[in-house]
């Protein structure tokens, strides 16, 4: 897939997979594949294994490789696959090279979690990873409000395989400025805070959004995207209201239950266990009941 092809496909729902675990705590490969297949059958055209909703920072290198391989096998040529990579530079480069060999069309580079990030260092980190896989498309994951258009533009100048930005700073005004300073039409801009933020970010330049909800109700996410793509913000906000409580549950307490809510929904649908790895935890009973009420309201139970 050419860089331009993936750039165009990013203007869509970019689904971030969960990583189901079995009773022994290992990756539940059968249910993982089934969830991914269901997602793609529901209309999702970009799938990202090893993202934050995948519990990336709790997975070993071997597990991230296995998760990507399962995704590639389950998706085939029905959707684009973008593999999350990160951690220290050597680990990120190794993961990027594995993604290239495994058949992914691109990588998403996680925001560096080092406590001391300089602007030049941010560019150097991403340049080294992108340059290690020059034939693979690269998507930047920006969560740091200090990263501006100048840094993103410098990186795109140095690495022509940088095709998109997943922008996850909760500030649409900042996003609008950064996107225009870097080049609004130069890259594909993806609203990185899922459905609740999507309308505001689309209004100022985003053309895709990430989704964890797509694991549970992919058709809802796709329908909301189509309304936004068509500029039908009234219709999009109807979907927004429909899924609002689910996404608010995920966002409570600084997103402490972000993954747990998604896995609880999948567990109630019989699609995987609700297990998550520390530092996340399974939902309390009251929140489990709230998830069940929502699934019933969506006619999924």
Protein backbone atom coordinates (compact mmCIF):
# COMPACT_ATOMS: atom_id res chain seq x y z
CA UNK A 1 0.00 0.00 0.00
CA UNK A 2 1.44 3.38 -1.03
CA UNK A 3 1.81 6.19 1.50
CA UNK A 4 -0.98 8.18 -0.16
CA UNK A 5 -3.32 5.18 -0.01
CA UNK A 6 -2.96 4.78 3.73
CA UNK A 7 -3.19 8.52 4.25
CA UNK A 8 -6.58 8.46 2.53
CA UNK A 9 -7.77 5.44 4.50
CA UNK A 10 -6.95 7.14 7.79
CA UNK A 11 -9.87 9.47 7.09
CA UNK A 12 -12.19 6.97 8.75
CA UNK A 13 -12.81 5.15 12.03
CA UNK A 14 -9.40 4.06 13.31
CA UNK A 15 -10.30 1.22 15.65
CA UNK A 16 -7.98 0.37 18.54
CA UNK A 17 -8.30 -3.30 19.47
CA UNK A 18 -8.64 -4.73 22.95
CA UNK A 19 -6.34 -7.61 23.86
CA UNK A 20 -8.50 -10.38 25.36
CA UNK A 21 -6.90 -12.60 28.00
CA UNK A 22 -7.75 -16.19 28.87
CA UNK A 23 -8.19 -17.69 32.34
CA UNK A 24 -4.41 -18.14 32.63
CA UNK A 25 -3.71 -14.52 31.73
CA UNK A 26 -2.35 -15.22 28.25
CA UNK A 27 -3.70 -13.68 25.05
CA UNK A 28 -6.99 -15.35 24.12
CA UNK A 29 -6.15 -15.82 20.46
CA UNK A 30 -9.48 -17.27 19.33
CA UNK A 31 -11.59 -14.49 20.83
CA UNK A 32 -9.08 -11.86 19.73
CA UNK A 33 -9.44 -12.95 16.11
CA UNK A 34 -13.24 -13.09 16.41
CA UNK A 35 -13.46 -9.54 17.81
CA UNK A 36 -11.25 -8.19 15.02
CA UNK A 37 -13.27 -10.04 12.37
CA UNK A 38 -16.54 -8.69 13.82
CA UNK A 39 -15.09 -5.18 13.81
CA UNK A 40 -14.12 -5.33 10.14
CA UNK A 41 -17.43 -6.93 9.20
CA UNK A 42 -19.07 -3.96 10.94
CA UNK A 43 -17.45 -1.56 8.47
CA UNK A 44 -14.18 -0.58 10.16
CA UNK A 45 -11.45 -0.03 7.57
CA UNK A 46 -8.41 0.73 9.79
CA UNK A 47 -7.42 -1.54 12.68
CA UNK A 48 -4.72 -0.71 15.22
CA UNK A 49 -3.44 -3.51 17.45
CA UNK A 50 -1.13 -2.61 20.35
CA UNK A 51 -2.67 0.77 21.09
CA UNK A 52 -3.59 2.07 24.53
CA UNK A 53 -6.97 0.31 24.46
CA UNK A 54 -4.94 -2.83 23.74
CA UNK A 55 -3.19 -2.38 27.13
CA UNK A 56 0.05 -1.81 25.23
CA UNK A 57 2.16 -0.97 28.25
CA UNK A 58 1.28 -4.28 29.96
CA UNK A 59 2.21 -6.45 26.98
CA UNK A 60 5.59 -8.07 26.43
CA UNK A 61 7.38 -7.69 23.11
CA UNK A 62 6.45 -11.27 22.25
CA UNK A 63 2.79 -10.57 23.04
CA UNK A 64 2.67 -7.45 20.88
CA UNK A 65 4.14 -9.45 18.00
CA UNK A 66 1.58 -12.20 18.49
CA UNK A 67 -1.28 -9.71 18.72
CA UNK A 68 -0.19 -8.14 15.44
CA UNK A 69 0.13 -11.52 13.72
CA UNK A 70 -3.37 -12.52 14.84
CA UNK A 71 -4.71 -9.21 13.52
CA UNK A 72 -3.04 -9.66 10.14
CA UNK A 73 -4.45 -13.17 9.81
CA UNK A 74 -7.95 -12.11 10.88
CA UNK A 75 -8.13 -8.99 8.69
CA UNK A 76 -6.50 -10.21 5.49
CA UNK A 77 -6.89 -7.53 2.83
CA UNK A 78 -10.23 -6.23 4.14
CA UNK A 79 -8.77 -3.33 6.14
CA UNK A 80 -5.52 -1.47 6.73
CA UNK A 81 -3.49 -2.48 9.78
CA UNK A 82 -1.47 0.02 11.77
CA UNK A 83 0.67 -1.48 14.55
CA UNK A 84 1.36 0.45 17.73
CA UNK A 85 5.06 0.70 18.64
CA UNK A 86 6.88 2.49 21.43
CA UNK A 87 8.93 2.20 24.64
CA UNK A 88 12.69 2.80 24.35
CA UNK A 89 14.10 3.58 20.93
CA UNK A 90 15.62 0.16 20.30
CA UNK A 91 12.38 -1.61 21.24
CA UNK A 92 10.32 0.72 19.05
CA UNK A 93 12.60 0.18 16.06
CA UNK A 94 12.49 -3.60 16.54
CA UNK A 95 8.68 -3.51 16.75
CA UNK A 96 8.47 -1.31 13.65
CA UNK A 97 10.64 -3.71 11.66
CA UNK A 98 8.55 -6.65 12.84
CA UNK A 99 5.39 -4.81 11.75
CA UNK A 100 6.90 -4.38 8.30
CA UNK A 101 7.74 -8.09 8.04
CA UNK A 102 4.38 -9.17 9.46
CA UNK A 103 2.33 -7.37 6.83
CA UNK A 104 1.12 -4.20 8.54
CA UNK A 105 0.60 -1.18 6.31
CA UNK A 106 1.77 1.30 8.91
CA UNK A 107 2.90 1.96 12.46
CA UNK A 108 1.58 4.33 15.10
CA UNK A 109 4.35 5.61 17.35
CA UNK A 110 3.14 5.99 20.92
CA UNK A 111 3.75 9.25 22.70
CA UNK A 112 7.11 8.90 24.54
CA UNK A 113 6.53 8.35 28.27
CA UNK A 114 10.00 9.51 29.34
CA UNK A 115 9.60 12.22 32.01
CA UNK A 116 12.03 14.56 30.23
CA UNK A 117 11.02 15.24 26.63
CA UNK A 118 12.63 18.10 24.71
CA UNK A 119 11.12 19.28 21.45
CA UNK A 120 14.25 18.38 19.50
CA UNK A 121 14.43 15.03 21.29
CA UNK A 122 10.84 14.29 20.32
CA UNK A 123 11.71 14.88 16.66
CA UNK A 124 14.88 12.77 16.94
CA UNK A 125 13.00 9.85 18.55
CA UNK A 126 10.36 9.74 15.84
CA UNK A 127 12.84 10.33 13.02
CA UNK A 128 14.91 7.35 14.11
CA UNK A 129 11.88 5.05 14.17
CA UNK A 130 10.38 6.30 10.90
CA UNK A 131 13.75 6.09 9.14
CA UNK A 132 14.16 2.47 10.23
CA UNK A 133 11.14 1.45 8.11
CA UNK A 134 11.26 3.78 5.10
CA UNK A 135 8.75 1.71 3.12
CA UNK A 136 6.16 1.70 5.93
CA UNK A 137 3.67 4.51 6.60
CA UNK A 138 4.02 6.24 9.96
CA UNK A 139 1.36 7.85 12.13
CA UNK A 140 2.38 10.08 15.03
CA UNK A 141 0.51 9.87 18.33
CA UNK A 142 0.59 13.31 19.97
CA UNK A 143 -0.58 13.65 23.58
CA UNK A 144 1.85 16.37 24.64
CA UNK A 145 0.51 19.94 24.14
CA UNK A 146 4.08 21.22 23.84
CA UNK A 147 4.49 19.46 20.51
CA UNK A 148 3.63 22.02 17.86
CA UNK A 149 3.29 22.33 14.15
CA UNK A 150 6.98 23.20 13.74
CA UNK A 151 8.09 19.86 15.21
CA UNK A 152 5.60 17.86 13.16
CA UNK A 153 6.54 19.70 9.97
CA UNK A 154 10.25 19.14 10.61
CA UNK A 155 9.62 15.44 11.05
CA UNK A 156 7.51 15.23 7.89
CA UNK A 157 10.29 17.06 5.99
CA UNK A 158 12.84 14.50 7.17
CA UNK A 159 10.64 11.42 6.77
CA UNK A 160 8.31 11.27 3.74
CA UNK A 161 6.67 8.14 5.17
CA UNK A 162 5.04 10.21 7.96
CA UNK A 163 1.47 10.41 6.66
CA UNK A 164 -0.78 11.19 9.60
CA UNK A 165 -1.20 12.42 13.15
CA UNK A 166 -3.39 10.98 15.87
CA UNK A 167 -3.92 14.11 17.94
CA UNK A 168 -5.00 13.39 21.52
CA UNK A 169 -4.53 16.68 23.32
CA UNK A 170 -7.96 17.63 24.75
CA UNK A 171 -7.96 21.10 23.21
CA UNK A 172 -9.56 21.58 19.76
CA UNK A 173 -8.25 25.14 19.53
CA UNK A 174 -4.69 23.92 20.03
CA UNK A 175 -5.35 21.15 17.51
CA UNK A 176 -6.58 23.63 14.90
CA UNK A 177 -3.43 25.71 15.28
CA UNK A 178 -1.01 22.77 15.29
CA UNK A 179 -2.63 21.19 12.22
CA UNK A 180 -2.44 24.42 10.26
CA UNK A 181 1.12 25.19 11.36
CA UNK A 182 2.24 21.70 10.28
CA UNK A 183 0.10 21.67 7.13
CA UNK A 184 -3.56 20.77 7.29
CA UNK A 185 -3.53 19.21 3.82
CA UNK A 186 -0.07 17.75 4.12
CA UNK A 187 -1.04 15.04 6.62
CA UNK A 188 -4.19 13.21 7.63
CA UNK A 189 -5.37 14.43 11.03
CA UNK A 190 -7.15 11.93 13.27
CA UNK A 191 -9.06 12.97 16.39
CA UNK A 192 -7.33 10.79 18.96
CA UNK A 193 -9.80 11.02 21.84
CA UNK A 194 -12.54 8.87 20.30
CA UNK A 195 -16.19 9.64 19.60
CA UNK A 196 -16.84 12.29 22.27
CA UNK A 197 -14.19 14.62 20.86
CA UNK A 198 -14.75 13.81 17.19
CA UNK A 199 -17.36 16.48 16.26
CA UNK A 200 -15.31 19.34 17.70
CA UNK A 201 -12.12 18.16 16.01
CA UNK A 202 -13.84 17.51 12.69
CA UNK A 203 -15.15 21.07 12.77
CA UNK A 204 -11.58 22.40 12.71
CA UNK A 205 -9.82 19.95 10.42
CA UNK A 206 -9.82 16.30 11.53
CA UNK A 207 -10.97 13.75 8.97
CA UNK A 208 -10.91 10.56 11.07
CA UNK A 209 -11.25 9.53 14.69
CA UNK A 210 -10.01 6.70 16.89
CA UNK A 211 -12.42 4.33 18.57
CA UNK A 212 -12.45 1.74 21.32
CA UNK A 213 -16.23 1.55 21.05
CA UNK A 214 -15.70 -0.10 17.66
CA UNK A 215 -14.76 -3.30 19.50
CA UNK A 216 -18.30 -3.40 20.90
CA UNK A 217 -20.55 -1.63 18.38
CA UNK A 218 -18.57 -0.99 15.19
CA UNK A 219 -21.62 0.01 13.17
CA UNK A 220 -22.40 2.85 15.59
CA UNK A 221 -18.89 4.25 15.19
CA UNK A 222 -19.03 3.92 11.40
CA UNK A 223 -22.45 5.60 11.20
CA UNK A 224 -21.20 8.51 13.29
CA UNK A 225 -18.15 8.84 11.06
CA UNK A 226 -20.26 8.89 7.91
CA UNK A 227 -22.37 11.71 9.31
CA UNK A 228 -19.25 13.73 10.18
CA UNK A 229 -17.68 13.00 6.81
CA UNK A 230 -20.80 14.36 5.11
CA UNK A 231 -20.76 17.48 7.28
CA UNK A 232 -24.05 16.46 8.88
CA UNK A 233 -23.19 17.58 12.39
CA UNK A 234 -26.77 17.38 13.63
CA UNK A 235 -26.97 13.71 12.71
CA UNK A 236 -23.50 13.10 14.13
CA UNK A 237 -24.55 14.62 17.44
CA UNK A 238 -27.51 12.25 17.61
CA UNK A 239 -25.03 9.37 17.53
CA UNK A 240 -22.89 11.31 20.02
CA UNK A 241 -25.79 11.43 22.47
CA UNK A 242 -26.52 7.76 21.87
CA UNK A 243 -23.03 6.62 22.89
CA UNK A 244 -22.22 9.47 25.26
CA UNK A 245 -22.74 7.63 28.56
CA UNK A 246 -20.55 4.72 27.46
CA UNK A 247 -17.69 7.04 26.57
CA UNK A 248 -18.16 9.08 29.75
CA UNK A 249 -17.82 5.89 31.80
CA UNK A 250 -14.54 5.25 30.04
CA UNK A 251 -13.32 8.78 30.72
CA UNK A 252 -14.12 8.91 34.46
CA UNK A 253 -11.26 9.33 36.93
CA UNK A 254 -8.70 10.26 34.29
CA UNK A 255 -9.78 7.32 32.11
CA UNK A 256 -9.01 4.75 34.82
CA UNK A 257 -11.67 2.42 33.40
CA UNK A 258 -11.08 3.18 29.73
CA UNK A 259 -10.30 -0.42 28.79
CA UNK A 260 -12.32 -2.03 31.58
CA UNK A 261 -15.60 -0.59 30.27
CA UNK A 262 -14.93 -1.93 26.78
CA UNK A 263 -13.98 -5.38 28.06
CA UNK A 264 -16.99 -5.46 30.37
CA UNK A 265 -19.26 -4.80 27.41
CA UNK A 266 -17.55 -7.53 25.39
CA UNK A 267 -17.86 -9.93 28.35
CA UNK A 268 -21.58 -9.27 28.62
CA UNK A 269 -21.87 -9.94 24.88
CA UNK A 270 -20.05 -13.24 25.38
CA UNK A 271 -17.11 -12.19 23.22
CA UNK A 272 -14.25 -12.36 25.74
CA UNK A 273 -13.43 -12.30 29.45
CA UNK A 274 -13.55 -9.00 31.34
CA UNK A 275 -10.00 -9.45 32.66
CA UNK A 276 -7.58 -6.52 32.46
CA UNK A 277 -4.00 -6.29 33.69
CA UNK A 278 -2.80 -3.97 36.47
CA UNK A 279 -2.63 -1.02 36.82
CA UNK A 280 -6.18 -1.27 35.36
CA UNK A 281 -8.88 -3.21 37.23
CA UNK A 282 -12.24 -4.78 36.43
CA UNK A 283 -15.34 -2.67 37.02
CA UNK A 284 -17.27 -2.54 40.27
CA UNK A 285 -20.72 -4.11 40.20
CA UNK A 286 -22.55 -0.79 39.85
CA UNK A 287 -20.56 0.09 36.76
CA UNK A 288 -21.08 -3.38 35.32
CA UNK A 289 -24.80 -2.85 35.66
CA UNK A 290 -24.51 0.55 33.96
CA UNK A 291 -22.75 -1.06 31.01
CA UNK A 292 -25.51 -3.65 30.77
CA UNK A 293 -28.18 -0.95 30.69
CA UNK A 294 -26.37 0.75 27.82
CA UNK A 295 -26.00 -2.46 25.83
CA UNK A 296 -29.71 -3.10 26.27
CA UNK A 297 -30.50 0.43 25.08
CA UNK A 298 -28.47 -0.32 21.93
CA UNK A 299 -30.38 -3.60 21.43
CA UNK A 300 -27.18 -5.60 21.68
CA UNK A 301 -28.27 -7.84 24.58
